[in-house]
Protein backbone atom coordinates (compact mmCIF):
# COMPACT_ATOMS: atom_id res chain seq x y z
CA MET A 1 148.87 125.01 93.14
CA THR A 2 147.07 128.11 94.35
CA PHE A 3 145.63 128.47 97.85
CA ALA A 4 142.10 128.10 96.42
CA GLN A 5 143.12 124.92 94.59
CA ARG A 6 144.69 123.50 97.76
CA MET A 7 141.53 124.26 99.70
CA ALA A 8 139.37 122.63 97.04
CA THR A 9 141.55 119.52 97.07
CA MET A 10 141.37 119.36 100.88
CA ILE A 11 137.59 119.69 100.87
CA ALA A 12 137.33 116.96 98.23
CA LEU A 13 139.46 114.64 100.36
CA ILE A 14 137.34 115.33 103.43
CA LEU A 15 134.16 114.61 101.52
CA GLN A 16 135.69 111.43 100.12
CA PHE A 17 136.63 110.31 103.62
CA GLN A 18 133.10 111.00 104.83
CA PHE A 19 131.64 108.77 102.16
CA THR A 20 134.21 106.01 102.61
CA ALA A 21 134.60 106.18 106.39
CA ILE A 22 134.91 102.97 108.30
CA ALA A 23 131.45 101.60 108.84
CA GLN A 24 130.44 101.19 112.46
CA VAL A 25 129.22 97.69 113.11
CA SER A 26 127.84 96.80 116.52
CA ILE A 27 127.06 93.40 118.03
CA SER A 28 124.48 92.85 120.76
CA LEU A 29 124.05 89.63 122.72
CA ASP A 30 120.69 88.68 124.19
CA ARG A 31 122.33 88.06 127.58
CA PRO A 32 124.89 90.78 128.42
CA ASP A 33 126.82 88.71 130.98
CA GLY A 34 127.46 86.05 128.32
CA ILE A 35 126.63 83.13 130.62
CA PHE A 36 124.22 80.42 129.43
CA SER A 37 123.30 76.83 130.25
CA VAL A 38 123.62 73.74 128.12
CA GLY A 39 120.55 73.49 125.89
CA GLU A 40 120.07 77.25 125.68
CA THR A 41 120.55 79.24 122.47
CA VAL A 42 122.68 82.34 122.07
CA HIS A 43 121.26 85.07 119.83
CA TRP A 44 123.36 87.85 118.32
CA THR A 45 122.07 90.90 116.49
CA ILE A 46 124.54 92.70 114.22
CA THR A 47 123.65 96.28 113.35
CA LEU A 48 125.28 98.41 110.66
CA ASP A 49 125.21 102.18 110.53
CA LYS A 50 122.57 103.39 108.09
CA ASP A 51 125.28 104.93 105.88
CA ALA A 52 127.54 101.90 105.99
CA LYS A 53 129.11 100.91 102.68
CA LEU A 54 130.71 97.47 102.91
CA ASP A 55 132.50 95.39 100.32
CA SER A 56 132.10 92.30 102.49
CA LEU A 57 130.80 91.12 105.86
CA THR A 58 131.79 87.65 107.08
CA TYR A 59 131.58 85.74 110.32
CA SER A 60 133.05 82.72 112.05
CA LEU A 61 131.76 80.86 115.11
CA LYS A 62 134.44 78.91 116.99
CA LEU A 63 133.87 76.51 119.85
CA GLY A 64 136.60 76.82 122.42
CA GLY A 65 138.09 79.62 120.33
CA LEU A 66 139.44 77.01 117.90
CA THR A 67 136.93 74.65 116.27
CA VAL A 68 134.91 76.37 113.53
CA VAL A 69 131.27 75.29 113.64
CA SER A 70 129.90 77.86 111.21
CA GLU A 71 131.32 80.55 108.94
CA GLY A 72 130.65 82.48 105.77
CA ALA A 73 129.17 85.64 104.34
CA LEU A 74 126.64 87.34 106.56
CA PRO A 75 123.62 88.70 104.69
CA THR A 76 121.94 91.79 106.13
CA LYS A 77 118.36 92.91 105.93
CA GLY A 78 117.51 96.47 106.85
CA ASN A 79 121.07 96.98 108.07
CA LYS A 80 120.70 94.10 110.49
CA ALA A 81 121.84 90.50 110.60
CA ARG A 82 121.27 87.73 113.12
CA LEU A 83 123.19 84.68 114.26
CA GLN A 84 122.54 82.01 116.83
CA HIS A 85 124.20 79.02 118.47
CA GLN A 86 122.77 76.35 120.73
CA PHE A 87 125.03 74.90 123.41
CA THR A 88 125.06 71.11 123.55
CA ALA A 89 127.90 70.85 126.11
CA PRO A 90 129.66 73.09 128.65
CA GLY A 91 132.09 75.41 126.92
CA ALA A 92 132.61 78.71 125.13
CA ILE A 93 131.70 80.04 121.71
CA LEU A 94 133.51 82.93 120.04
CA LEU A 95 131.98 85.06 117.29
CA GLU A 96 134.48 86.74 114.97
CA LEU A 97 132.95 89.34 112.68
CA ASP A 98 135.06 90.71 109.81
CA TRP A 99 134.23 93.34 107.26
CA VAL A 100 135.87 95.40 104.55
CA THR A 101 134.64 98.91 103.84
CA ALA A 102 134.34 100.49 100.43
CA ASN A 103 137.76 102.15 100.90
CA GLY A 104 139.44 98.78 101.57
CA SER A 105 139.73 99.07 105.34
CA HIS A 106 139.70 95.71 107.17
CA ASN A 107 137.90 95.55 110.52
CA GLU A 108 137.03 92.99 113.17
CA GLN A 109 134.73 92.72 116.18
CA LEU A 110 134.33 89.92 118.68
CA SER A 111 131.54 88.63 120.85
CA GLY A 112 131.18 85.48 122.86
CA ALA A 113 129.23 83.35 125.27
CA ILE A 114 129.88 80.47 127.64
CA ALA A 115 127.68 77.66 128.92
CA ASP A 116 127.88 76.14 132.41
CA PRO A 117 131.47 77.32 132.99
CA ASP A 118 131.65 75.55 136.37
CA LYS A 119 131.20 72.22 134.57
CA ILE A 120 133.99 72.56 131.99
CA ALA A 121 136.44 69.67 132.30
CA LEU A 122 140.20 69.37 131.80
CA SER A 123 141.63 68.48 128.40
CA SER A 124 144.16 66.01 129.83
CA GLU A 125 144.94 64.20 133.05
CA ARG A 126 147.51 65.47 135.51
CA PRO A 127 150.76 63.48 135.26
CA ALA A 128 150.96 60.83 137.99
CA ASP A 129 154.39 62.06 139.07
CA PHE A 130 153.54 65.79 138.85
CA ASP A 131 153.95 66.46 142.57
CA ALA A 132 157.05 64.29 142.80
CA PHE A 133 158.67 66.23 139.96
CA TRP A 134 158.04 69.62 141.54
CA ASP A 135 158.97 68.44 145.03
CA LYS A 136 162.33 67.40 143.61
CA GLN A 137 162.85 70.75 141.83
CA ILE A 138 162.13 72.65 145.04
CA GLU A 139 164.49 70.38 146.96
CA LEU A 140 167.23 71.13 144.42
CA LEU A 141 166.49 74.85 144.68
CA LYS A 142 166.68 74.82 148.48
CA ALA A 143 170.12 73.24 148.25
CA ILE A 144 171.33 76.43 146.54
CA PRO A 145 172.14 79.26 149.02
CA LYS A 146 170.11 82.40 148.35
CA ASN A 147 173.15 84.65 148.63
CA THR A 148 170.71 87.58 148.87
CA GLN A 149 172.14 90.93 147.80
CA ILE A 150 170.30 94.15 148.59
CA GLN A 151 171.11 97.62 147.29
CA HIS A 152 169.17 100.36 149.06
CA ARG A 153 168.14 103.32 146.93
CA HIS A 154 167.44 106.82 148.23
CA LEU A 155 164.00 108.17 147.36
CA PRO A 156 163.86 111.89 148.16
CA GLU A 157 160.35 112.08 146.71
CA ASN A 158 159.17 109.23 148.97
CA PRO A 159 160.87 109.86 152.33
CA ASN A 160 158.58 107.46 154.21
CA ILE A 161 159.33 104.48 151.96
CA GLU A 162 162.34 102.19 152.10
CA TYR A 163 163.22 101.02 148.60
CA ALA A 164 165.89 98.61 147.36
CA HIS A 165 167.00 96.44 144.47
CA ILE A 166 167.40 92.79 145.37
CA GLN A 167 168.84 89.67 143.81
CA MET A 168 169.03 86.04 144.91
CA LYS A 169 170.57 82.95 143.42
CA ASN A 170 168.40 80.58 141.43
CA ILE A 171 169.01 77.31 139.62
CA ASN A 172 171.58 76.89 136.83
CA LYS A 173 173.74 79.73 138.16
CA SER A 174 171.01 82.24 137.34
CA TRP A 175 169.68 85.06 139.52
CA ILE A 176 166.29 86.29 140.63
CA ARG A 177 166.25 90.07 140.28
CA GLY A 178 163.64 92.45 141.61
CA GLN A 179 162.74 95.42 143.75
CA MET A 180 161.48 95.76 147.31
CA ALA A 181 159.60 98.52 149.08
CA LYS A 182 158.03 98.99 152.50
CA PRO A 183 156.98 101.76 154.86
CA LYS A 184 159.65 103.09 157.25
CA ASP A 185 157.55 102.54 160.35
CA ASN A 186 159.18 99.39 161.74
CA LYS A 187 155.81 97.66 161.96
CA LYS A 188 155.19 94.05 161.09
CA LEU A 189 153.68 94.05 157.63
CA PRO A 190 151.59 91.84 155.35
CA ALA A 191 153.64 90.72 152.34
CA LEU A 192 152.77 91.14 148.67
CA LEU A 193 154.60 89.38 145.85
CA ILE A 194 154.00 91.02 142.44
CA VAL A 195 154.87 88.95 139.37
CA GLN A 196 155.10 90.23 135.83
CA TRP A 197 153.37 89.85 132.49
CA ALA A 198 155.19 88.54 129.42
CA GLY A 199 157.86 90.46 127.58
CA VAL A 200 161.33 91.84 128.19
CA TYR A 201 161.32 95.21 129.94
CA PRO A 202 162.52 97.08 133.05
CA LEU A 203 160.59 97.17 136.32
CA GLN A 204 159.10 100.54 137.22
CA PRO A 205 159.79 101.61 140.83
CA GLU A 206 156.20 102.79 141.35
CA TRP A 207 154.93 99.22 140.90
CA ALA A 208 156.47 98.41 144.28
CA ILE A 209 156.40 101.85 145.89
CA ASP A 210 152.68 102.49 145.36
CA LYS A 211 151.74 99.27 147.20
CA ALA A 212 154.25 100.01 149.96
CA LYS A 213 152.48 103.33 150.52
CA GLU A 214 149.33 101.33 151.19
CA GLY A 215 151.08 99.39 153.95
CA TRP A 216 152.58 96.33 152.23
CA LEU A 217 155.98 94.68 152.39
CA VAL A 218 156.40 94.41 148.62
CA LEU A 219 158.64 92.24 146.47
CA ASN A 220 158.32 92.66 142.69
CA ILE A 221 160.43 90.29 140.58
CA ASN A 222 161.57 90.21 136.98
CA PRO A 223 160.57 87.01 135.13
CA HIS A 224 164.02 86.98 133.50
CA ASP A 225 167.57 86.97 134.81
CA LEU A 226 168.15 90.58 133.77
CA PRO A 227 168.94 93.85 135.56
CA ILE A 228 165.71 95.66 136.34
CA ASP A 229 166.61 99.29 135.55
CA ARG A 230 168.62 99.47 132.36
CA GLU A 231 167.85 101.71 129.40
CA GLN A 232 165.20 100.55 126.92
CA HIS A 233 167.61 99.57 124.13
CA PHE A 234 169.17 97.01 126.49
CA TYR A 235 165.85 95.17 126.77
CA THR A 236 165.08 95.55 123.08
CA GLU A 237 168.41 93.91 122.27
CA LYS A 238 167.67 90.98 124.59
CA LYS A 239 164.12 90.65 123.27
CA GLU A 240 165.41 90.46 119.72
CA GLY A 241 168.32 88.24 120.73
CA PHE A 242 168.54 85.29 123.10
CA LEU A 243 165.12 85.95 124.66
CA LYS A 244 163.29 86.01 121.35
CA ASP A 245 160.49 83.47 121.68
CA TYR A 246 161.77 82.59 125.14
CA PRO A 247 158.80 80.30 125.92
CA SER A 248 160.13 77.79 123.39
CA ILE A 249 163.62 77.62 124.92
CA ASP A 250 164.29 73.97 125.86
CA ASN A 251 160.56 73.20 125.77
CA GLU A 252 161.27 69.57 124.94
CA SER A 253 162.56 68.88 128.46
CA ARG A 254 160.78 69.29 131.77
CA GLU A 255 164.18 69.60 133.51
CA GLN A 256 165.45 72.31 131.13
CA SER A 257 162.39 74.34 130.11
CA TYR A 258 162.81 78.11 130.34
CA PHE A 259 159.79 78.20 132.61
CA LEU A 260 161.49 76.04 135.25
CA ARG A 261 163.64 78.88 136.58
CA MET A 262 160.69 81.28 136.30
CA TYR A 263 158.42 79.06 138.40
CA LEU A 264 161.19 78.45 140.94
CA SER A 265 161.90 82.19 141.05
CA CYS A 266 158.38 82.67 142.31
CA PHE A 267 158.80 79.99 144.98
CA ARG A 268 162.07 81.44 146.23
CA ALA A 269 160.68 84.99 146.25
CA ALA A 270 157.72 83.85 148.36
CA GLU A 271 160.08 81.94 150.65
CA TYR A 272 162.24 85.04 151.07
CA LEU A 273 159.21 87.07 152.19
CA THR A 274 158.34 84.47 154.83
CA GLU A 275 161.85 84.88 156.25
CA HIS A 276 161.85 88.68 156.19
CA PRO A 277 162.04 90.20 159.68
CA ASP A 278 159.30 92.70 158.87
CA TRP A 279 156.74 90.12 157.73
CA ASP A 280 153.76 89.81 160.05
CA GLY A 281 153.86 86.03 159.84
CA GLU A 282 150.26 85.83 158.65
CA THR A 283 149.49 87.39 155.26
CA LEU A 284 151.39 86.45 152.10
CA VAL A 285 149.66 87.48 148.87
CA VAL A 286 150.70 86.98 145.24
CA MET A 287 149.21 88.82 142.27
CA GLY A 288 149.80 89.23 138.54
CA THR A 289 148.32 89.62 135.07
CA SER A 290 148.69 87.32 132.03
CA GLN A 291 152.10 85.67 132.47
CA GLY A 292 151.96 87.25 135.92
CA GLY A 293 148.61 85.54 136.45
CA LEU A 294 150.27 82.27 135.45
CA GLN A 295 152.95 82.84 138.08
CA ALA A 296 150.39 83.90 140.70
CA VAL A 297 148.51 80.61 140.36
CA VAL A 298 151.67 78.50 140.19
CA THR A 299 153.10 80.18 143.30
CA ALA A 300 149.93 79.44 145.25
CA GLY A 301 150.19 75.82 144.13
CA LEU A 302 153.86 75.50 145.09
CA HIS A 303 154.22 77.50 148.30
CA PRO A 304 152.09 76.44 151.29
CA LYS A 305 152.23 79.82 153.06
CA ILE A 306 150.49 81.80 150.30
CA THR A 307 147.27 83.12 151.87
CA ALA A 308 145.65 84.62 148.75
CA SER A 309 146.30 84.59 145.01
CA MET A 310 144.91 87.05 142.47
CA ALA A 311 145.22 86.55 138.72
CA LEU A 312 143.86 88.56 135.79
CA VAL A 313 143.57 86.84 132.37
CA PRO A 314 146.08 84.20 133.51
CA ALA A 315 148.27 82.48 130.94
CA GLY A 316 149.50 78.91 130.91
CA PHE A 317 146.23 77.00 131.28
CA ASP A 318 145.16 74.07 129.13
CA THR A 319 148.35 73.23 127.26
CA MET A 320 146.71 70.20 125.63
CA GLY A 321 143.43 71.95 124.81
CA PRO A 322 143.77 71.50 121.03
CA THR A 323 143.53 67.72 121.49
CA ILE A 324 139.84 68.18 122.33
CA GLY A 325 139.22 71.04 119.91
CA ARG A 326 139.79 74.12 122.05
CA LYS A 327 142.57 76.68 122.02
CA GLY A 328 145.08 76.47 124.86
CA GLY A 329 146.46 79.49 126.66
CA TRP A 330 149.67 81.36 125.92
CA PRO A 331 152.43 80.31 125.32
CA HIS A 332 150.47 77.79 123.23
CA TRP A 333 152.71 74.82 123.94
CA TYR A 334 150.75 72.56 121.61
CA THR A 335 151.58 74.56 118.48
CA ASN A 336 154.92 76.05 119.62
CA THR A 337 156.81 73.08 118.20
CA GLU A 338 158.59 74.33 115.09
CA GLY A 339 161.83 72.41 114.66
CA LYS A 340 161.07 70.38 117.80
CA ASP A 341 159.95 66.87 118.69
CA LYS A 342 156.23 67.51 119.14
CA GLU A 343 155.64 64.57 121.44
CA LYS A 344 158.40 65.73 123.79
CA VAL A 345 157.06 69.30 123.84
CA TRP A 346 153.55 68.06 124.61
CA ALA A 347 154.78 65.75 127.34
CA THR A 348 156.80 68.57 128.90
CA SER A 349 153.87 70.96 128.72
CA ARG A 350 151.79 68.89 131.13
CA TYR A 351 154.28 69.63 133.93
CA TYR A 352 153.94 73.37 133.25
CA ASP A 353 150.19 73.49 132.66
CA VAL A 354 148.93 75.93 135.29
CA ALA A 355 145.78 73.85 135.69
CA ASN A 356 147.85 71.07 137.21
CA PHE A 357 149.00 73.31 140.09
CA VAL A 358 145.46 74.17 141.12
CA PRO A 359 144.70 71.00 143.16
CA ASN A 360 147.51 71.95 145.56
CA ILE A 361 146.20 75.46 146.25
CA LYS A 362 145.05 75.95 149.84
CA CYS A 363 144.12 79.63 149.77
CA PRO A 364 141.34 81.88 148.40
CA MET A 365 141.68 83.06 144.82
CA LEU A 366 140.40 86.03 142.84
CA MET A 367 140.43 85.56 139.08
CA GLY A 368 139.41 87.70 136.13
CA ILE A 369 138.69 85.87 132.87
CA GLY A 370 138.21 87.58 129.50
CA LEU A 371 135.32 86.03 127.61
CA LEU A 372 136.76 87.31 124.30
CA ASP A 373 140.38 86.53 125.16
CA GLN A 374 142.12 84.70 122.31
CA THR A 375 145.53 84.76 124.01
CA CYS A 376 144.37 83.06 127.20
CA PRO A 377 140.94 81.65 126.26
CA PRO A 378 138.27 81.33 128.97
CA GLU A 379 137.32 77.69 128.53
CA GLY A 380 140.66 76.21 129.56
CA ILE A 381 141.02 78.61 132.50
CA TYR A 382 137.64 77.54 133.85
CA ALA A 383 138.58 73.88 133.40
CA GLY A 384 141.63 74.46 135.55
CA ILE A 385 140.10 76.62 138.25
CA ASN A 386 137.16 74.25 138.60
CA GLN A 387 139.52 71.95 140.52
CA LEU A 388 139.96 74.49 143.31
CA LYS A 389 138.51 73.25 146.58
CA GLU A 390 139.09 76.53 148.43
CA TYR A 391 137.07 79.74 148.17
CA ARG A 392 137.26 81.48 144.83
CA GLU A 393 135.75 84.55 143.22
CA VAL A 394 135.78 84.34 139.45
CA LEU A 395 134.81 87.43 137.48
CA LEU A 396 133.89 86.69 133.87
CA LEU A 397 134.59 89.88 131.92
CA PRO A 398 132.13 89.67 128.99
CA ARG A 399 133.67 92.48 126.88
CA SER A 400 137.30 91.72 127.62
CA GLU A 401 139.89 90.51 125.18
CA HIS A 402 143.39 89.93 126.56
CA GLN A 403 144.05 93.65 126.99
CA SER A 404 141.65 96.01 128.67
CA LYS A 405 139.71 98.20 126.24
CA GLU A 406 137.18 100.85 127.21
CA GLY A 407 137.03 99.63 130.80
CA SER A 408 136.47 95.98 129.90
CA GLN A 409 138.55 94.79 132.89
CA ASP A 410 137.44 97.44 135.40
CA ALA A 411 135.24 95.02 137.36
CA TYR A 412 138.29 92.94 138.27
CA THR A 413 140.47 95.95 139.07
CA GLN A 414 137.79 97.45 141.30
CA LYS A 415 137.29 94.18 143.18
CA LEU A 416 141.05 93.77 143.58
CA GLU A 417 141.79 97.30 144.74
CA THR A 418 138.72 98.09 146.84
CA VAL A 419 137.83 94.73 148.38
CA TRP A 420 140.48 92.02 148.30
CA LEU A 421 143.72 93.94 148.84
CA PRO A 422 142.40 96.25 151.60
CA ALA A 423 140.76 93.39 153.48
CA LEU A 424 143.84 91.18 153.19
CA ARG A 425 146.11 94.03 154.25
CA GLU A 426 143.99 94.86 157.30
CA GLY A 427 143.43 91.24 158.27
CA THR A 428 139.68 91.48 157.84
CA PHE A 429 139.33 89.33 154.73
CA SER A 430 136.46 86.87 154.85
CA VAL A 431 135.12 84.50 152.24
CA LYS A 432 131.83 86.33 152.69
CA ASP A 433 133.41 89.49 151.25
């Protein structure tokens, strides 16, 4: 093929792409914050680019992210289409829009709304012996010596920070493994426990060091009993091996569930900070995202000295949500039953449902909830947090799925980093903030 022929072919491909490019479809909601009241009607306007060429455009409306109330092909008129939904009860509605372009590309967009979120109720009752069960587990944990082991690491690039790897004994001969950091100024410090999102991966030193630079005594723990600084293939091997689908490990037994050691890891880590000689004796904060948000809420419910808890798109809420037609949060206990006794899994899940820890929380909470989150849906999180008797600040993130996209979670991050953490660190936090 000559140069001219190659150029002609390239130009033809470019022109073909221009005519078959993915159509841009936008969704607008008549109330940008996504919050409505029962009895009100949500209106969506779907707009297609004027040059859009679609093979199909379909929609689905799901109450609670699970129960389909309407679906089908979406006709357009003048490159626009409209949908609506009237709320008859407190809860959330999720709009899923799917389309296929002329070149066969599949696409999806989401939108959503929620009605009277402060009135959303739990999907199931708290077990009568919930507190007794967890009191016993903590008693068994306390009977195990911590046997704390600390390995200090030299940080030439951070000469004013003391950094170390730490491990402590946990139940079932397992270990809690993490990293610590603090300023080298010998001052009494507020303590910050950082807990981690789901997955199998190493801890990055800057996660602890950056907060230590701000003036915190920091402990950052691994959710698994694994070294925190091995090469990536080590974690990939574990993720594809014995930790594959770790949430389902022993999920038929409340005494053996994989999450038991994880929850108790958080309690012991918080307890360790209260015993640290550099703790100021006043401020003990826990924070995390997703699975880390789960742990942040659970820790506040288990440990009485937690003074603030901050959770972004927290997992673990509403394990029995599907029984009333709404999707529960990751790890989706209700459907994670393959090869298991379903009734036993469901019974176990109620002791690990994050919502059931909330009544015991005695500290302020900051929470970010993704309105479009299908991993940790908003309805069940609200149902759980509505039990909190203490001060709370809940930020509904109307454009947020589970992961942040195009700044969809910035409102939470800004509130966390510029208001809550500085005020807690300096001892000036007030519920009026």
